[in-house]
Amino acid sequence: MTAMIAPGLLAGAVTPPSSKSQAHRLLIARALAGENLDDPAHRADSQDIQATSRCLAALCAPSSGLPLLDCGESGSTLRFLIPLS
């Protein structure tokens, strides 16, 4: 396949992906404030963010014993939730 690119002015917009680190912090802040964690408009969707959301839901759920926090393979989730738990 051959592509021909001609010089000229470019137009458009580029939307960079949101920061996963900021999304982790936002979820944790929302959990500590007692807010809804299921609002997809306020978070990036990745396996790491899903792990953080699951762990926060487990920490916030009423239970009689210690919650199981499955961080998956997310080092960020583990690092952020060790001091929180």
Protein backbone atom coordinates (compact mmCIF):
# COMPACT_ATOMS: atom_id res chain seq x y z
CA MET A 1 0.00 0.00 0.00
CA THR A 2 1.29 3.42 -0.92
CA ALA A 3 0.12 6.59 0.78
CA MET A 4 0.70 10.06 -0.63
CA ILE A 5 0.94 12.86 1.91
CA ALA A 6 0.86 16.42 0.64
CA PRO A 7 2.07 19.39 2.67
CA GLY A 8 -0.64 21.65 4.06
CA LEU A 9 -2.27 23.03 7.17
CA LEU A 10 -3.57 20.53 9.69
CA ALA A 11 -6.84 20.81 11.56
CA GLY A 12 -8.55 18.75 14.22
CA ALA A 13 -8.26 17.90 17.85
CA VAL A 14 -6.30 15.37 19.85
CA THR A 15 -7.61 14.13 23.18
CA PRO A 16 -4.86 12.58 25.30
CA PRO A 17 -5.80 9.68 27.59
CA SER A 18 -6.48 10.69 31.15
CA SER A 19 -3.96 9.95 33.86
CA LYS A 20 -4.51 6.61 35.60
CA SER A 21 -2.73 7.93 38.68
CA GLN A 22 -5.21 10.80 38.92
CA ALA A 23 -8.10 8.35 38.40
CA HIS A 24 -6.85 6.19 41.32
CA ARG A 25 -6.65 9.26 43.56
CA LEU A 26 -10.08 10.49 42.46
CA LEU A 27 -11.70 7.13 43.23
CA ILE A 28 -10.04 6.99 46.65
CA ALA A 29 -11.10 10.57 47.47
CA ARG A 30 -14.67 9.80 46.39
CA ALA A 31 -14.72 6.66 48.55
CA LEU A 32 -13.42 8.56 51.59
CA ALA A 33 -16.06 11.24 51.00
CA GLY A 34 -18.81 8.60 50.84
CA GLU A 35 -19.63 9.35 47.20
CA ASN A 36 -20.78 6.95 44.48
CA LEU A 37 -17.87 4.97 43.00
CA ASP A 38 -19.84 3.71 39.99
CA ASP A 39 -19.91 7.00 38.08
CA PRO A 40 -18.04 6.20 34.84
CA ALA A 41 -17.93 9.86 33.79
CA HIS A 42 -15.25 10.57 36.39
CA ARG A 43 -12.73 7.85 35.70
CA ALA A 44 -10.54 6.25 33.11
CA ASP A 45 -11.39 2.67 32.33
CA SER A 46 -8.51 0.24 32.66
CA GLN A 47 -7.85 -2.98 34.54
CA ASP A 48 -5.93 -1.02 37.19
CA ILE A 49 -8.81 1.40 37.77
CA GLN A 50 -11.30 -1.47 37.86
CA ALA A 51 -9.12 -3.18 40.51
CA THR A 52 -9.05 -0.02 42.62
CA SER A 53 -12.82 0.36 42.29
CA ARG A 54 -13.40 -3.28 43.32
CA CYS A 55 -11.11 -2.96 46.35
CA LEU A 56 -12.71 0.30 47.47
CA ALA A 57 -16.16 -1.26 47.14
CA ALA A 58 -14.98 -4.17 49.30
CA LEU A 59 -13.56 -1.77 51.91
CA CYS A 60 -16.77 0.30 52.00
CA ALA A 61 -19.15 -2.67 52.13
CA PRO A 62 -20.46 -3.60 55.55
CA SER A 63 -19.14 -7.00 56.57
CA SER A 64 -18.44 -8.97 59.71
CA GLY A 65 -14.86 -9.86 58.80
CA LEU A 66 -11.88 -8.48 56.98
CA PRO A 67 -12.57 -7.75 53.30
CA LEU A 68 -10.63 -9.53 50.57
CA LEU A 69 -8.85 -6.96 48.43
CA ASP A 70 -7.99 -8.42 45.03
CA CYS A 71 -5.61 -5.94 43.41
CA GLY A 72 -5.11 -8.13 40.36
CA GLU A 73 -1.81 -7.16 38.75
CA SER A 74 -2.14 -3.49 39.64
CA GLY A 75 0.86 -2.25 41.57
CA SER A 76 -0.72 1.20 41.80
CA THR A 77 -3.83 -0.21 43.45
CA LEU A 78 -1.69 -2.08 45.96
CA ARG A 79 0.49 0.96 46.66
CA PHE A 80 -2.47 3.31 47.15
CA LEU A 81 -4.59 0.94 49.24
CA ILE A 82 -2.00 -0.42 51.71
CA PRO A 83 -2.08 2.74 53.86
CA LEU A 84 -5.82 3.18 53.35
CA SER A 85 -6.70 -0.32 54.51
